[in-house]
């Protein structure tokens, strides 16, 4: 087997993907909360 050197892998793509995922989750949560608040106010 090939020798593995810890910390030698280029993870820029994975970091960018994870950052996009976190941004998408944050926007999704904010929109969901906004919709719930709107529904509560509109329902009276």
N, C-alpha and C. Protein backbone atom coordinates (compact mmCIF):
# COMPACT_ATOMS: atom_id res chain seq x y z
N UNK A 1 0.83 -1.20 0.00
CA UNK A 1 0.00 0.00 0.00
C UNK A 1 0.87 1.25 0.00
N UNK A 2 0.31 2.31 -0.53
CA UNK A 2 1.03 3.58 -0.56
C UNK A 2 1.06 4.20 0.84
N UNK A 3 2.11 4.90 1.10
CA UNK A 3 2.23 5.60 2.39
C UNK A 3 1.29 6.80 2.40
N UNK A 4 0.63 7.00 3.52
CA UNK A 4 -0.28 8.14 3.67
C UNK A 4 0.38 9.16 4.59
N UNK A 5 0.45 10.39 4.11
CA UNK A 5 0.98 11.48 4.92
C UNK A 5 -0.17 12.33 5.40
N UNK A 6 -0.40 12.37 6.69
CA UNK A 6 -1.51 13.11 7.27
C UNK A 6 -1.40 14.60 6.93
N UNK A 7 -2.49 15.18 6.43
CA UNK A 7 -2.52 16.60 6.11
C UNK A 7 -1.97 16.96 4.75
N UNK A 8 -1.71 15.98 3.90
CA UNK A 8 -1.11 16.29 2.59
C UNK A 8 -2.15 16.41 1.47
N UNK A 9 -3.40 16.06 1.76
CA UNK A 9 -4.43 16.09 0.71
C UNK A 9 -4.95 17.52 0.50
N UNK A 10 -5.18 17.87 -0.76
CA UNK A 10 -5.74 19.18 -1.08
C UNK A 10 -7.25 19.12 -0.88
N UNK A 11 -7.77 19.89 0.08
CA UNK A 11 -9.20 19.81 0.41
C UNK A 11 -9.93 21.12 0.10
N UNK A 12 -9.39 21.91 -0.79
CA UNK A 12 -10.03 23.20 -1.13
C UNK A 12 -11.42 22.99 -1.71
N UNK A 13 -11.61 21.99 -2.55
CA UNK A 13 -12.91 21.74 -3.16
C UNK A 13 -13.92 21.31 -2.10
N UNK A 14 -13.49 20.43 -1.19
CA UNK A 14 -14.39 19.99 -0.13
C UNK A 14 -14.78 21.14 0.79
N UNK A 15 -13.83 22.00 1.11
CA UNK A 15 -14.12 23.15 1.97
C UNK A 15 -15.10 24.10 1.29
N UNK A 16 -14.94 24.32 0.00
CA UNK A 16 -15.85 25.19 -0.75
C UNK A 16 -17.25 24.59 -0.80
N UNK A 17 -17.33 23.28 -1.01
CA UNK A 17 -18.63 22.60 -1.04
C UNK A 17 -19.31 22.69 0.32
N UNK A 18 -18.56 22.46 1.39
CA UNK A 18 -19.12 22.52 2.74
C UNK A 18 -19.59 23.93 3.07
N UNK A 19 -18.83 24.93 2.65
CA UNK A 19 -19.23 26.33 2.87
C UNK A 19 -20.54 26.63 2.14
N UNK A 20 -20.68 26.15 0.92
CA UNK A 20 -21.92 26.33 0.18
C UNK A 20 -23.09 25.62 0.84
N UNK A 21 -22.83 24.41 1.36
CA UNK A 21 -23.86 23.66 2.06
C UNK A 21 -24.34 24.42 3.30
N UNK A 22 -23.40 24.94 4.08
CA UNK A 22 -23.78 25.70 5.28
C UNK A 22 -24.56 26.95 4.92
N UNK A 23 -24.16 27.63 3.85
CA UNK A 23 -24.89 28.82 3.41
C UNK A 23 -26.31 28.45 2.99
N UNK A 24 -26.46 27.34 2.27
CA UNK A 24 -27.78 26.90 1.83
C UNK A 24 -28.66 26.54 3.03
N UNK A 25 -28.10 25.87 4.02
CA UNK A 25 -28.86 25.51 5.22
C UNK A 25 -29.29 26.76 5.97
N UNK A 26 -28.40 27.74 6.10
CA UNK A 26 -28.73 28.97 6.80
C UNK A 26 -29.85 29.72 6.09
N UNK A 27 -29.76 29.83 4.77
CA UNK A 27 -30.82 30.51 4.01
C UNK A 27 -32.13 29.74 4.11
N UNK A 28 -32.07 28.43 4.03
CA UNK A 28 -33.27 27.61 4.14
C UNK A 28 -33.95 27.77 5.50
N UNK A 29 -33.14 27.81 6.56
CA UNK A 29 -33.71 27.99 7.90
C UNK A 29 -34.33 29.38 8.03
N UNK A 30 -33.66 30.40 7.53
CA UNK A 30 -34.17 31.77 7.62
C UNK A 30 -35.49 31.90 6.84
N UNK A 31 -35.55 31.33 5.66
CA UNK A 31 -36.77 31.40 4.86
C UNK A 31 -37.90 30.64 5.56
N UNK A 32 -37.59 29.48 6.11
CA UNK A 32 -38.62 28.69 6.81
C UNK A 32 -39.17 29.45 8.01
N UNK A 33 -38.29 30.06 8.78
CA UNK A 33 -38.72 30.84 9.94
C UNK A 33 -39.57 32.03 9.48
N UNK A 34 -39.13 32.70 8.42
CA UNK A 34 -39.91 33.81 7.87
C UNK A 34 -41.29 33.40 7.43
N UNK A 35 -41.40 32.25 6.76
CA UNK A 35 -42.70 31.75 6.32
C UNK A 35 -43.58 31.43 7.52
N UNK A 36 -43.02 30.80 8.55
CA UNK A 36 -43.78 30.47 9.74
C UNK A 36 -44.29 31.73 10.45
N UNK A 37 -43.45 32.75 10.53
CA UNK A 37 -43.87 34.00 11.16
C UNK A 37 -44.98 34.65 10.33
N UNK A 38 -44.81 34.68 9.02
CA UNK A 38 -45.84 35.24 8.14
C UNK A 38 -47.17 34.49 8.31
N UNK A 39 -47.11 33.17 8.35
CA UNK A 39 -48.33 32.38 8.51
C UNK A 39 -49.00 32.66 9.85
N UNK A 40 -48.20 32.83 10.91
CA UNK A 40 -48.77 33.12 12.23
C UNK A 40 -49.44 34.50 12.25
N UNK A 41 -48.81 35.48 11.61
CA UNK A 41 -49.38 36.82 11.58
C UNK A 41 -50.61 36.90 10.67
N UNK A 42 -50.57 36.21 9.55
CA UNK A 42 -51.67 36.26 8.60
C UNK A 42 -52.89 35.48 9.10
N UNK A 43 -52.65 34.49 9.94
CA UNK A 43 -53.73 33.66 10.46
C UNK A 43 -54.47 34.35 11.59
N UNK A 44 -53.85 35.34 12.15
CA UNK A 44 -54.49 36.19 13.15
C UNK A 44 -54.62 35.59 14.47
